[in-house]
C-alpha atoms as a PDB file:
ATOM      1  CA  UNK A   1       4.046  -5.643   1.649  1.00  0.00           C
ATOM      2  CA  UNK A   2       3.216  -5.083  -1.985  1.00  0.00           C
ATOM      3  CA  UNK A   3       1.361  -7.772  -3.937  1.00  0.00           C
ATOM      4  CA  UNK A   4       1.276  -8.533  -7.639  1.00  0.00           C
ATOM      5  CA  UNK A   5      -1.243 -10.760  -9.376  1.00  0.00           C
ATOM      6  CA  UNK A   6       0.145 -12.748 -12.321  1.00  0.00           C
ATOM      7  CA  UNK A   7      -2.033 -14.726 -14.734  1.00  0.00           C
ATOM      8  CA  UNK A   8       0.230 -16.466 -17.284  1.00  0.00           C
ATOM      9  CA  UNK A   9      -0.642 -18.987 -20.002  1.00  0.00           C
ATOM     10  CA  UNK A  10       2.195 -21.436 -20.639  1.00  0.00           C
ATOM     11  CA  UNK A  11       3.117 -23.763 -23.506  1.00  0.00           C
ATOM     12  CA  UNK A  12       5.392 -26.785 -23.077  1.00  0.00           C
ATOM     13  CA  UNK A  13       6.942 -28.478 -26.122  1.00  0.00           C
ATOM     14  CA  UNK A  14       7.262 -32.246 -26.668  1.00  0.00           C
ATOM     15  CA  UNK A  15       9.989 -33.763 -28.838  1.00  0.00           C
ATOM     16  CA  UNK A  16      10.312 -37.174 -30.524  1.00  0.00           C
ATOM     17  CA  UNK A  17      12.869 -38.741 -32.891  1.00  0.00           C
ATOM     18  CA  UNK A  18      12.388 -40.112 -36.409  1.00  0.00           C
ATOM     19  CA  UNK A  19      13.859 -43.465 -35.347  1.00  0.00           C
ATOM     20  CA  UNK A  20      11.319 -43.883 -32.589  1.00  0.00           C
ATOM     21  CA  UNK A  21       8.011 -43.008 -34.191  1.00  0.00           C
ATOM     22  CA  UNK A  22       6.175 -45.641 -32.161  1.00  0.00           C
ATOM     23  CA  UNK A  23       7.319 -44.309 -28.815  1.00  0.00           C
ATOM     24  CA  UNK A  24       5.635 -41.370 -27.093  1.00  0.00           C
ATOM     25  CA  UNK A  25       7.441 -38.058 -27.454  1.00  0.00           C
ATOM     26  CA  UNK A  26       9.627 -37.030 -24.546  1.00  0.00           C
ATOM     27  CA  UNK A  27       8.272 -33.992 -22.735  1.00  0.00           C
ATOM     28  CA  UNK A  28      10.616 -31.022 -22.905  1.00  0.00           C
ATOM     29  CA  UNK A  29      12.072 -29.604 -19.736  1.00  0.00           C
ATOM     30  CA  UNK A  30      11.406 -26.078 -21.066  1.00  0.00           C
ATOM     31  CA  UNK A  31       8.177 -24.166 -20.509  1.00  0.00           C
ATOM     32  CA  UNK A  32       7.523 -20.645 -21.813  1.00  0.00           C
ATOM     33  CA  UNK A  33       4.655 -18.473 -20.620  1.00  0.00           C
ATOM     34  CA  UNK A  34       3.285 -14.977 -21.022  1.00  0.00           C
ATOM     35  CA  UNK A  35       0.481 -13.211 -19.181  1.00  0.00           C
ATOM     36  CA  UNK A  36      -0.751  -9.990 -17.595  1.00  0.00           C
ATOM     37  CA  UNK A  37       0.320  -8.768 -14.169  1.00  0.00           C
ATOM     38  CA  UNK A  38      -1.219  -6.187 -11.837  1.00  0.00           C
ATOM     39  CA  UNK A  39       0.671  -4.402  -9.055  1.00  0.00           C
ATOM     40  CA  UNK A  40      -1.036  -2.270  -6.397  1.00  0.00           C
ATOM     41  CA  UNK A  41       0.333   1.266  -5.904  1.00  0.00           C
ATOM     42  CA  UNK A  42      -2.501   2.702  -3.756  1.00  0.00           C
ATOM     43  CA  UNK A  43      -5.253   1.028  -1.687  1.00  0.00           C
ATOM     44  CA  UNK A  44      -7.587   1.419  -4.686  1.00  0.00           C
ATOM     45  CA  UNK A  45      -5.309   1.436  -7.770  1.00  0.00           C
ATOM     46  CA  UNK A  46      -3.289  -1.259  -9.535  1.00  0.00           C
ATOM     47  CA  UNK A  47      -1.016  -0.812 -12.549  1.00  0.00           C
ATOM     48  CA  UNK A  48      -0.764  -3.531 -15.184  1.00  0.00           C
ATOM     49  CA  UNK A  49       2.089  -4.980 -17.196  1.00  0.00           C
ATOM     50  CA  UNK A  50       3.051  -8.109 -19.158  1.00  0.00           C
ATOM     51  CA  UNK A  51       5.209 -10.895 -17.710  1.00  0.00           C
ATOM     52  CA  UNK A  52       7.318 -13.190 -19.933  1.00  0.00           C
ATOM     53  CA  UNK A  53       8.629 -16.298 -18.203  1.00  0.00           C
ATOM     54  CA  UNK A  54      10.898 -19.240 -19.033  1.00  0.00           C
ATOM     55  CA  UNK A  55      11.101 -22.321 -16.809  1.00  0.00           C
ATOM     56  CA  UNK A  56      13.452 -25.303 -16.891  1.00  0.00           C
ATOM     57  CA  UNK A  57      12.542 -28.529 -15.052  1.00  0.00           C
ATOM     58  CA  UNK A  58      15.333 -29.651 -12.715  1.00  0.00           C
ATOM     59  CA  UNK A  59      13.360 -32.840 -12.029  1.00  0.00           C
ATOM     60  CA  UNK A  60      11.755 -35.110 -14.595  1.00  0.00           C
ATOM     61  CA  UNK A  61       8.568 -33.525 -16.007  1.00  0.00           C
ATOM     62  CA  UNK A  62       5.137 -34.780 -14.943  1.00  0.00           C
ATOM     63  CA  UNK A  63       6.160 -35.821 -11.449  1.00  0.00           C
ATOM     64  CA  UNK A  64       4.122 -35.291  -8.301  1.00  0.00           C
ATOM     65  CA  UNK A  65       6.779 -32.978  -6.860  1.00  0.00           C
ATOM     66  CA  UNK A  66       8.630 -30.790  -9.336  1.00  0.00           C
ATOM     67  CA  UNK A  67      11.485 -28.309  -9.044  1.00  0.00           C
ATOM     68  CA  UNK A  68      12.168 -25.639 -11.646  1.00  0.00           C
ATOM     69  CA  UNK A  69      14.691 -22.947 -12.427  1.00  0.00           C
ATOM     70  CA  UNK A  70      12.711 -19.894 -13.482  1.00  0.00           C
ATOM     71  CA  UNK A  71      13.550 -16.564 -15.102  1.00  0.00           C
ATOM     72  CA  UNK A  72      11.248 -13.781 -16.192  1.00  0.00           C
ATOM     73  CA  UNK A  73      10.886 -10.192 -17.270  1.00  0.00           C
ATOM     74  CA  UNK A  74       8.087  -7.666 -16.841  1.00  0.00           C
ATOM     75  CA  UNK A  75       7.315  -4.531 -18.801  1.00  0.00           C
ATOM     76  CA  UNK A  76       4.489  -2.062 -18.204  1.00  0.00           C
ATOM     77  CA  UNK A  77       3.596   1.148 -20.034  1.00  0.00           C
ATOM     78  CA  UNK A  78       3.582   4.536 -18.320  1.00  0.00           C
ATOM     79  CA  UNK A  79       0.327   4.771 -16.342  1.00  0.00           C
ATOM     80  CA  UNK A  80      -1.221   7.309 -14.008  1.00  0.00           C
ATOM     81  CA  UNK A  81      -2.729   6.777 -10.550  1.00  0.00           C
ATOM     82  CA  UNK A  82      -4.578   8.908  -8.013  1.00  0.00           C
ATOM     83  CA  UNK A  83      -5.826   8.324  -4.478  1.00  0.00           C
ATOM     84  CA  UNK A  84      -7.789  10.595  -2.147  1.00  0.00           C
ATOM     85  CA  UNK A  85      -8.990  10.049   1.398  1.00  0.00           C
ATOM     86  CA  UNK A  86     -10.324  12.861   3.583  1.00  0.00           C
ATOM     87  CA  UNK A  87      -7.904  15.821   3.245  1.00  0.00           C
ATOM     88  CA  UNK A  88      -4.994  13.781   1.832  1.00  0.00           C
ATOM     89  CA  UNK A  89      -4.492  13.050  -1.849  1.00  0.00           C
ATOM     90  CA  UNK A  90      -1.550  11.817  -3.875  1.00  0.00           C
ATOM     91  CA  UNK A  91      -0.913  10.521  -7.362  1.00  0.00           C
ATOM     92  CA  UNK A  92       1.485  10.482 -10.255  1.00  0.00           C
ATOM     93  CA  UNK A  93       2.732   8.376 -13.159  1.00  0.00           C
ATOM     94  CA  UNK A  94       4.869   5.260 -13.183  1.00  0.00           C
ATOM     95  CA  UNK A  95       6.576   2.997 -15.700  1.00  0.00           C
ATOM     96  CA  UNK A  96       8.039  -0.275 -14.446  1.00  0.00           C
ATOM     97  CA  UNK A  97      10.433  -2.914 -15.810  1.00  0.00           C
ATOM     98  CA  UNK A  98      12.062  -5.816 -13.980  1.00  0.00           C
ATOM     99  CA  UNK A  99      14.084  -9.014 -14.333  1.00  0.00           C
ATOM    100  CA  UNK A 100      13.597 -12.055 -12.051  1.00  0.00           C
ATOM    101  CA  UNK A 101      15.531 -15.283 -11.464  1.00  0.00           C
ATOM    102  CA  UNK A 102      14.863 -17.982  -8.912  1.00  0.00           C
ATOM    103  CA  UNK A 103      13.528 -21.430  -8.029  1.00  0.00           C
ATOM    104  CA  UNK A 104       9.966 -22.703  -7.909  1.00  0.00           C
ATOM    105  CA  UNK A 105       8.478 -25.962  -6.676  1.00  0.00           C
ATOM    106  CA  UNK A 106       5.161 -27.491  -7.698  1.00  0.00           C
ATOM    107  CA  UNK A 107       2.967 -30.178  -6.177  1.00  0.00           C
ATOM    108  CA  UNK A 108       0.475 -32.034  -8.377  1.00  0.00           C
ATOM    109  CA  UNK A 109      -1.521 -34.979  -6.963  1.00  0.00           C
ATOM    110  CA  UNK A 110      -2.352 -36.361 -10.438  1.00  0.00           C
ATOM    111  CA  UNK A 111       0.459 -35.141 -12.725  1.00  0.00           C
ATOM    112  CA  UNK A 112      -0.346 -37.463 -15.671  1.00  0.00           C
ATOM    113  CA  UNK A 113      -4.092 -36.740 -15.844  1.00  0.00           C
ATOM    114  CA  UNK A 114      -5.478 -34.885 -18.909  1.00  0.00           C
ATOM    115  CA  UNK A 115      -6.349 -32.028 -16.543  1.00  0.00           C
ATOM    116  CA  UNK A 116      -3.795 -31.831 -13.733  1.00  0.00           C
ATOM    117  CA  UNK A 117      -4.220 -29.205 -10.993  1.00  0.00           C
ATOM    118  CA  UNK A 118      -1.142 -28.140  -9.043  1.00  0.00           C
ATOM    119  CA  UNK A 119       0.126 -25.712  -6.414  1.00  0.00           C
ATOM    120  CA  UNK A 120       3.367 -23.761  -6.849  1.00  0.00           C
ATOM    121  CA  UNK A 121       5.737 -22.004  -4.455  1.00  0.00           C
ATOM    122  CA  UNK A 122       8.705 -19.898  -5.552  1.00  0.00           C
ATOM    123  CA  UNK A 123      11.367 -17.509  -4.288  1.00  0.00           C
ATOM    124  CA  UNK A 124      13.152 -15.106  -6.619  1.00  0.00           C
ATOM    125  CA  UNK A 125      15.715 -12.357  -6.786  1.00  0.00           C
ATOM    126  CA  UNK A 126      14.473  -9.330  -8.665  1.00  0.00           C
ATOM    127  CA  UNK A 127      16.046  -6.208 -10.148  1.00  0.00           C
ATOM    128  CA  UNK A 128      13.452  -3.462 -10.603  1.00  0.00           C
ATOM    129  CA  UNK A 129      13.606  -0.229 -12.605  1.00  0.00           C
ATOM    130  CA  UNK A 130      10.885   2.415 -12.292  1.00  0.00           C
ATOM    131  CA  UNK A 131      10.522   5.987 -13.469  1.00  0.00           C
ATOM    132  CA  UNK A 132       7.764   8.543 -13.212  1.00  0.00           C
ATOM    133  CA  UNK A 133       6.527  11.555 -11.283  1.00  0.00           C
ATOM    134  CA  UNK A 134       4.387  12.156  -8.203  1.00  0.00           C
ATOM    135  CA  UNK A 135       2.684  14.661  -5.959  1.00  0.00           C
ATOM    136  CA  UNK A 136       1.261  14.801  -2.444  1.00  0.00           C
ATOM    137  CA  UNK A 137      -1.324  17.266  -1.092  1.00  0.00           C
ATOM    138  CA  UNK A 138      -2.705  17.779   2.408  1.00  0.00           C
ATOM    139  CA  UNK A 139      -5.565  20.287   2.261  1.00  0.00           C
ATOM    140  CA  UNK A 140      -5.782  20.540   6.057  1.00  0.00           C
ATOM    141  CA  UNK A 141      -2.335  22.164   6.195  1.00  0.00           C
ATOM    142  CA  UNK A 142      -2.193  23.581   2.634  1.00  0.00           C
ATOM    143  CA  UNK A 143       0.889  21.433   2.100  1.00  0.00           C
ATOM    144  CA  UNK A 144       1.767  20.451  -1.473  1.00  0.00           C
ATOM    145  CA  UNK A 145       4.870  18.657  -2.709  1.00  0.00           C
ATOM    146  CA  UNK A 146       5.784  17.407  -6.162  1.00  0.00           C
ATOM    147  CA  UNK A 147       8.499  15.187  -7.589  1.00  0.00           C
ATOM    148  CA  UNK A 148       8.526  16.092 -11.308  1.00  0.00           C
ATOM    149  CA  UNK A 149      10.893  13.327 -12.405  1.00  0.00           C
ATOM    150  CA  UNK A 150      12.256  10.407 -10.463  1.00  0.00           C
ATOM    151  CA  UNK A 151      13.819   7.080 -11.321  1.00  0.00           C
ATOM    152  CA  UNK A 152      15.126   4.256  -9.206  1.00  0.00           C
ATOM    153  CA  UNK A 153      16.763   0.885  -9.511  1.00  0.00           C
ATOM    154  CA  UNK A 154      16.718  -1.613  -6.670  1.00  0.00           C
ATOM    155  CA  UNK A 155      17.089  -5.298  -5.975  1.00  0.00           C
ATOM    156  CA  UNK A 156      14.922  -7.307  -3.614  1.00  0.00           C
ATOM    157  CA  UNK A 157      13.712 -10.790  -2.752  1.00  0.00           C
ATOM    158  CA  UNK A 158      10.129 -11.794  -3.551  1.00  0.00           C
ATOM    159  CA  UNK A 159       8.067 -14.922  -3.004  1.00  0.00           C
ATOM    160  CA  UNK A 160       5.079 -16.400  -4.804  1.00  0.00           C
ATOM    161  CA  UNK A 161       2.406 -18.937  -3.940  1.00  0.00           C
ATOM    162  CA  UNK A 162      -0.090 -19.890  -6.638  1.00  0.00           C
ATOM    163  CA  UNK A 163      -2.317 -22.517  -8.191  1.00  0.00           C
ATOM    164  CA  UNK A 164      -2.562 -23.729 -11.765  1.00  0.00           C
ATOM    165  CA  UNK A 165      -4.033 -26.248 -14.171  1.00  0.00           C
ATOM    166  CA  UNK A 166      -2.123 -28.244 -16.817  1.00  0.00           C
ATOM    167  CA  UNK A 167      -3.923 -29.646 -19.839  1.00  0.00           C
ATOM    168  CA  UNK A 168      -2.838 -31.849 -22.770  1.00  0.00           C
ATOM    169  CA  UNK A 169      -4.377 -30.980 -26.102  1.00  0.00           C
ATOM    170  CA  UNK A 170      -3.265 -32.370 -29.474  1.00  0.00           C
ATOM    171  CA  UNK A 171       0.067 -33.598 -28.177  1.00  0.00           C
ATOM    172  CA  UNK A 172       0.827 -30.251 -26.589  1.00  0.00           C
ATOM    173  CA  UNK A 173       0.890 -29.340 -22.916  1.00  0.00           C
ATOM    174  CA  UNK A 174      -0.699 -26.070 -21.766  1.00  0.00           C
ATOM    175  CA  UNK A 175      -0.997 -24.556 -18.306  1.00  0.00           C
ATOM    176  CA  UNK A 176      -2.952 -21.695 -16.790  1.00  0.00           C
ATOM    177  CA  UNK A 177      -1.621 -20.277 -13.528  1.00  0.00           C
ATOM    178  CA  UNK A 178      -2.784 -17.705 -10.980  1.00  0.00           C
ATOM    179  CA  UNK A 179       0.140 -16.447  -8.932  1.00  0.00           C
ATOM    180  CA  UNK A 180       0.130 -13.673  -6.298  1.00  0.00           C
ATOM    181  CA  UNK A 181       3.669 -12.375  -5.776  1.00  0.00           C
ATOM    182  CA  UNK A 182       4.552 -10.844  -2.416  1.00  0.00           C
ATOM    183  CA  UNK A 183       7.340  -8.426  -1.647  1.00  0.00           C
ATOM    184  CA  UNK A 184       8.279  -7.645   1.936  1.00  0.00           C
ATOM    185  CA  UNK A 185      11.080  -5.478   3.244  1.00  0.00           C
ATOM    186  CA  UNK A 186      13.765  -7.631   4.835  1.00  0.00           C
ATOM    187  CA  UNK A 187      13.528  -7.281   8.589  1.00  0.00           C
ATOM    188  CA  UNK A 188      16.363  -5.360  10.178  1.00  0.00           C
ATOM    189  CA  UNK A 189      17.715  -4.015   6.881  1.00  0.00           C
ATOM    190  CA  UNK A 190      18.065  -0.225   6.746  1.00  0.00           C
ATOM    191  CA  UNK A 191      18.828   1.416   3.430  1.00  0.00           C
ATOM    192  CA  UNK A 192      19.031   5.164   4.129  1.00  0.00           C
ATOM    193  CA  UNK A 193      19.069   5.513   7.927  1.00  0.00           C
ATOM    194  CA  UNK A 194      21.507   4.152  10.478  1.00  0.00           C
ATOM    195  CA  UNK A 195      20.108   2.447  13.626  1.00  0.00           C
ATOM    196  CA  UNK A 196      20.281   5.629  15.743  1.00  0.00           C
ATOM    197  CA  UNK A 197      18.550   7.720  13.070  1.00  0.00           C
ATOM    198  CA  UNK A 198      15.933   5.012  12.592  1.00  0.00           C
ATOM    199  CA  UNK A 199      15.111   4.934  16.309  1.00  0.00           C
ATOM    200  CA  UNK A 200      14.861   8.741  16.322  1.00  0.00           C
ATOM    201  CA  UNK A 201      12.473   8.606  13.357  1.00  0.00           C
ATOM    202  CA  UNK A 202      10.413   5.864  15.030  1.00  0.00           C
ATOM    203  CA  UNK A 203      10.176   7.854  18.286  1.00  0.00           C
ATOM    204  CA  UNK A 204       9.092  11.062  16.538  1.00  0.00           C
ATOM    205  CA  UNK A 205       6.565   9.204  14.380  1.00  0.00           C
ATOM    206  CA  UNK A 206       5.070   7.496  17.441  1.00  0.00           C
ATOM    207  CA  UNK A 207       4.715  10.870  19.178  1.00  0.00           C
ATOM    208  CA  UNK A 208       2.926  12.252  16.099  1.00  0.00           C
ATOM    209  CA  UNK A 209       0.588   9.251  15.858  1.00  0.00           C
ATOM    210  CA  UNK A 210       0.680   7.463  19.235  1.00  0.00           C
ATOM    211  CA  UNK A 211      -0.917   4.138  20.033  1.00  0.00           C
ATOM    212  CA  UNK A 212      -4.360   4.588  21.607  1.00  0.00           C
ATOM    213  CA  UNK A 213      -7.321   2.329  20.968  1.00  0.00           C
ATOM    214  CA  UNK A 214      -5.885   2.057  17.432  1.00  0.00           C
ATOM    215  CA  UNK A 215      -2.292   1.109  16.487  1.00  0.00           C
ATOM    216  CA  UNK A 216       0.404   3.768  16.461  1.00  0.00           C
ATOM    217  CA  UNK A 217       3.003   4.688  13.847  1.00  0.00           C
ATOM    218  CA  UNK A 218       5.486   2.020  14.937  1.00  0.00           C
ATOM    219  CA  UNK A 219       2.971  -0.785  14.651  1.00  0.00           C
ATOM    220  CA  UNK A 220       1.894   0.454  11.221  1.00  0.00           C
ATOM    221  CA  UNK A 221       5.472   0.187   9.937  1.00  0.00           C
ATOM    222  CA  UNK A 222       5.986   3.925   9.427  1.00  0.00           C
ATOM    223  CA  UNK A 223       9.752   3.902  10.240  1.00  0.00           C
ATOM    224  CA  UNK A 224      10.406   1.283   7.535  1.00  0.00           C
ATOM    225  CA  UNK A 225       8.247   3.278   5.105  1.00  0.00           C
ATOM    226  CA  UNK A 226      10.272   6.444   5.765  1.00  0.00           C
ATOM    227  CA  UNK A 227      13.551   4.570   5.259  1.00  0.00           C
ATOM    228  CA  UNK A 228      12.348   3.241   1.892  1.00  0.00           C
ATOM    229  CA  UNK A 229      11.029   6.651   0.827  1.00  0.00           C
ATOM    230  CA  UNK A 230      14.365   8.292   1.620  1.00  0.00           C
ATOM    231  CA  UNK A 231      16.257   5.574  -0.263  1.00  0.00           C
ATOM    232  CA  UNK A 232      14.008   5.233  -3.318  1.00  0.00           C
ATOM    233  CA  UNK A 233      11.833   8.346  -3.641  1.00  0.00           C
ATOM    234  CA  UNK A 234      13.814  11.273  -2.241  1.00  0.00           C
ATOM    235  CA  UNK A 235      16.689  12.900  -4.114  1.00  0.00           C
ATOM    236  CA  UNK A 236      20.104  13.723  -2.637  1.00  0.00           C
ATOM    237  CA  UNK A 237      19.046  17.205  -1.479  1.00  0.00           C
ATOM    238  CA  UNK A 238      15.948  15.846   0.284  1.00  0.00           C
ATOM    239  CA  UNK A 239      17.954  13.126   2.014  1.00  0.00           C
ATOM    240  CA  UNK A 240      20.568  15.638   3.181  1.00  0.00           C
ATOM    241  CA  UNK A 241      17.841  17.977   4.464  1.00  0.00           C
ATOM    242  CA  UNK A 242      16.204  15.143   6.394  1.00  0.00           C
ATOM    243  CA  UNK A 243      19.468  13.860   7.908  1.00  0.00           C
ATOM    244  CA  UNK A 244      20.442  17.411   8.925  1.00  0.00           C
ATOM    245  CA  UNK A 245      17.020  17.778  10.568  1.00  0.00           C
ATOM    246  CA  UNK A 246      17.525  14.581  12.587  1.00  0.00           C
ATOM    247  CA  UNK A 247      20.944  15.826  13.704  1.00  0.00           C
ATOM    248  CA  UNK A 248      19.383  19.150  14.715  1.00  0.00           C
ATOM    249  CA  UNK A 249      16.809  17.325  16.857  1.00  0.00           C
ATOM    250  CA  UNK A 250      19.659  15.689  18.797  1.00  0.00           C
ATOM    251  CA  UNK A 251      21.487  19.037  19.072  1.00  0.00           C
ATOM    252  CA  UNK A 252      18.384  20.675  20.552  1.00  0.00           C
ATOM    253  CA  UNK A 253      17.949  17.756  22.941  1.00  0.00           C
ATOM    254  CA  UNK A 254      21.552  17.836  24.151  1.00  0.00           C
ATOM    255  CA  UNK A 255      21.426  21.630  24.616  1.00  0.00           C
ATOM    256  CA  UNK A 256      18.203  21.460  26.642  1.00  0.00           C
ATOM    257  CA  UNK A 257      18.518  18.158  28.520  1.00  0.00           C
ATOM    258  CA  UNK A 258      22.113  16.954  28.115  1.00  0.00           C
ATOM    259  CA  UNK A 259      21.294  13.790  26.130  1.00  0.00           C
ATOM    260  CA  UNK A 260      20.167  12.611  22.696  1.00  0.00           C
ATOM    261  CA  UNK A 261      16.489  12.788  21.759  1.00  0.00           C
ATOM    262  CA  UNK A 262      15.813   9.065  22.185  1.00  0.00           C
ATOM    263  CA  UNK A 263      17.327   9.183  25.679  1.00  0.00           C
ATOM    264  CA  UNK A 264      14.910  11.872  26.882  1.00  0.00           C
ATOM    265  CA  UNK A 265      11.649  11.302  28.708  1.00  0.00           C
ATOM    266  CA  UNK A 266       8.421  11.478  26.669  1.00  0.00           C
ATOM    267  CA  UNK A 267       7.639  14.878  28.222  1.00  0.00           C
ATOM    268  CA  UNK A 268      11.044  16.250  27.204  1.00  0.00           C
ATOM    269  CA  UNK A 269      10.642  14.813  23.702  1.00  0.00           C
ATOM    270  CA  UNK A 270       7.252  16.515  23.367  1.00  0.00           C
ATOM    271  CA  UNK A 271       8.810  19.869  24.375  1.00  0.00           C
ATOM    272  CA  UNK A 272      11.286  19.612  21.508  1.00  0.00           C
ATOM    273  CA  UNK A 273       8.596  18.639  18.975  1.00  0.00           C
ATOM    274  CA  UNK A 274       6.311  21.445  20.164  1.00  0.00           C
ATOM    275  CA  UNK A 275       9.148  23.910  19.561  1.00  0.00           C
ATOM    276  CA  UNK A 276       9.664  22.512  16.043  1.00  0.00           C
ATOM    277  CA  UNK A 277       5.932  22.706  15.390  1.00  0.00           C
ATOM    278  CA  UNK A 278       5.810  26.320  16.614  1.00  0.00           C
ATOM    279  CA  UNK A 279       8.544  27.276  14.151  1.00  0.00           C
ATOM    280  CA  UNK A 280       6.668  25.476  11.373  1.00  0.00           C
ATOM    281  CA  UNK A 281       3.455  27.340  12.262  1.00  0.00           C
ATOM    282  CA  UNK A 282       5.298  30.664  11.985  1.00  0.00           C
ATOM    283  CA  UNK A 283       6.444  29.729   8.467  1.00  0.00           C
ATOM    284  CA  UNK A 284       2.876  28.796   7.577  1.00  0.00           C
ATOM    285  CA  UNK A 285       1.442  32.035   8.996  1.00  0.00           C
ATOM    286  CA  UNK A 286       3.915  34.170   7.049  1.00  0.00           C
ATOM    287  CA  UNK A 287       3.308  32.083   3.897  1.00  0.00           C
ATOM    288  CA  UNK A 288       7.003  31.218   3.762  1.00  0.00           C
ATOM    289  CA  UNK A 289       8.472  28.237   1.898  1.00  0.00           C
ATOM    290  CA  UNK A 290       7.989  25.116   4.041  1.00  0.00           C
ATOM    291  CA  UNK A 291       9.381  22.579   1.547  1.00  0.00           C
ATOM    292  CA  UNK A 292      12.830  22.579   3.193  1.00  0.00           C
ATOM    293  CA  UNK A 293      11.568  22.383   6.762  1.00  0.00           C
ATOM    294  CA  UNK A 294      12.519  19.084   8.407  1.00  0.00           C
ATOM    295  CA  UNK A 295       9.505  18.805  10.693  1.00  0.00           C
ATOM    296  CA  UNK A 296       7.094  19.480   7.812  1.00  0.00           C
ATOM    297  CA  UNK A 297       8.709  16.648   5.873  1.00  0.00           C
ATOM    298  CA  UNK A 298       8.689  14.384   8.922  1.00  0.00           C
ATOM    299  CA  UNK A 299       4.985  14.972   9.529  1.00  0.00           C
ATOM    300  CA  UNK A 300       4.189  14.412   5.849  1.00  0.00           C
ATOM    301  CA  UNK A 301       6.105  11.131   5.713  1.00  0.00           C
ATOM    302  CA  UNK A 302       4.514   9.946   8.955  1.00  0.00           C
ATOM    303  CA  UNK A 303       0.956  10.737   7.847  1.00  0.00           C
ATOM    304  CA  UNK A 304       1.479   9.303   4.364  1.00  0.00           C
ATOM    305  CA  UNK A 305       3.095   6.127   5.673  1.00  0.00           C
ATOM    306  CA  UNK A 306       0.417   5.600   8.307  1.00  0.00           C
ATOM    307  CA  UNK A 307      -2.702   6.302   6.264  1.00  0.00           C
ATOM    308  CA  UNK A 308      -1.557   4.305   3.243  1.00  0.00           C
ATOM    309  CA  UNK A 309      -0.667   1.291   5.399  1.00  0.00           C
ATOM    310  CA  UNK A 310      -3.112  -1.549   5.982  1.00  0.00           C
ATOM    311  CA  UNK A 311      -3.376  -0.565   9.650  1.00  0.00           C
ATOM    312  CA  UNK A 312      -4.123   3.097   8.929  1.00  0.00           C
ATOM    313  CA  UNK A 313      -6.490   2.427   6.044  1.00  0.00           C
ATOM    314  CA  UNK A 314      -8.592  -0.081   8.005  1.00  0.00           C
ATOM    315  CA  UNK A 315      -8.340   1.106  11.633  1.00  0.00           C
ATOM    316  CA  UNK A 316      -8.435   4.873  11.073  1.00  0.00           C
ATOM    317  CA  UNK A 317      -9.894   5.577   7.639  1.00  0.00           C
ATOM    318  CA  UNK A 318     -12.171   2.493   7.697  1.00  0.00           C
ATOM    319  CA  UNK A 319     -11.388   1.841   4.039  1.00  0.00           C
ATOM    320  CA  UNK A 320     -13.488  -0.933   2.549  1.00  0.00           C
ATOM    321  CA  UNK A 321     -12.634  -2.593  -0.745  1.00  0.00           C
ATOM    322  CA  UNK A 322     -16.309  -3.386  -1.366  1.00  0.00           C
ATOM    323  CA  UNK A 323     -18.655  -0.769   0.165  1.00  0.00           C
ATOM    324  CA  UNK A 324     -22.024  -1.689   1.606  1.00  0.00           C
ATOM    325  CA  UNK A 325     -25.189  -1.630  -0.459  1.00  0.00           C
ATOM    326  CA  UNK A 326     -27.003   1.601  -1.312  1.00  0.00           C
ATOM    327  CA  UNK A 327     -30.377   2.072   0.428  1.00  0.00           C
ATOM    328  CA  UNK A 328     -31.972   5.392  -0.631  1.00  0.00           C
ATOM    329  CA  UNK A 329     -35.130   4.906   1.456  1.00  0.00           C
ATOM    330  CA  UNK A 330     -33.947   3.839   4.896  1.00  0.00           C
ATOM    331  CA  UNK A 331     -36.493   3.878   7.741  1.00  0.00           C
ATOM    332  CA  UNK A 332     -35.671   6.690  10.162  1.00  0.00           C
ATOM    333  CA  UNK A 333     -36.353   4.570  13.261  1.00  0.00           C
ATOM    334  CA  UNK A 334     -33.546   2.189  12.216  1.00  0.00           C
END
């Protein structure tokens, strides 16, 4: 799940007619807002942008329960990010633009008060465009991979749940809203892998990082991460190399045990992975190019997906958003 924090300031317009000067102006059904937005790209880094939003009330304004049609656009400048934990580091640059359209509902217990708090819930379709570059380094294996230029366009479904405050000043209506936006991959939807390939990936990943007293790769969502990376981050050559590697794993399994990899016993599966790892070690020892080796890519994707997930960051790396206090003179007996 990726979260975005949106803090817009909105202005609603009120209209009256010359023939009805003594009657209160009719609130407009249109509301326009603009505000900053932050999206997290690493456990410690968020990139900012500006969100422009237009809302149209489908119900009469200033009601306890409101329903709105909402559209918006976001633009952010090209920004850099970097993250390092133990021997793993990655970073890059990213520029992001998107368009959103959907419905939102609001609940306000005192809608006609001068200061009216409310809660809002929305669901939106979004088309996202990003471009940038990236790198990944693992010092423990001397592995380094770069993606000099990459761009992607994808559609997804996002949801928001926020709180806000409406105020009336000088005949105008203003609102300030805090809105976290959550994006979650749709369960059961594969974008680059077919079900058999996905189960093979999940089995290999779980053998690389098995469940012990901490969660394994499956529980951390590594298979879904790899599917998204192949669909959105990898180029055609990288996808073909990875798919050919998965097919080779099944070929090795059928030659040795007469069945596909996922149909083998855990001991048989480990034999195949140990053989792949031995071949990778020989490439490393001879300082040969490892960038096109399937098992090197599989291990990299598994480690990256696991240690940048919430499970990996908290259970394994013990990442803390706010570290403990600094005590330079700590009694030795404690």
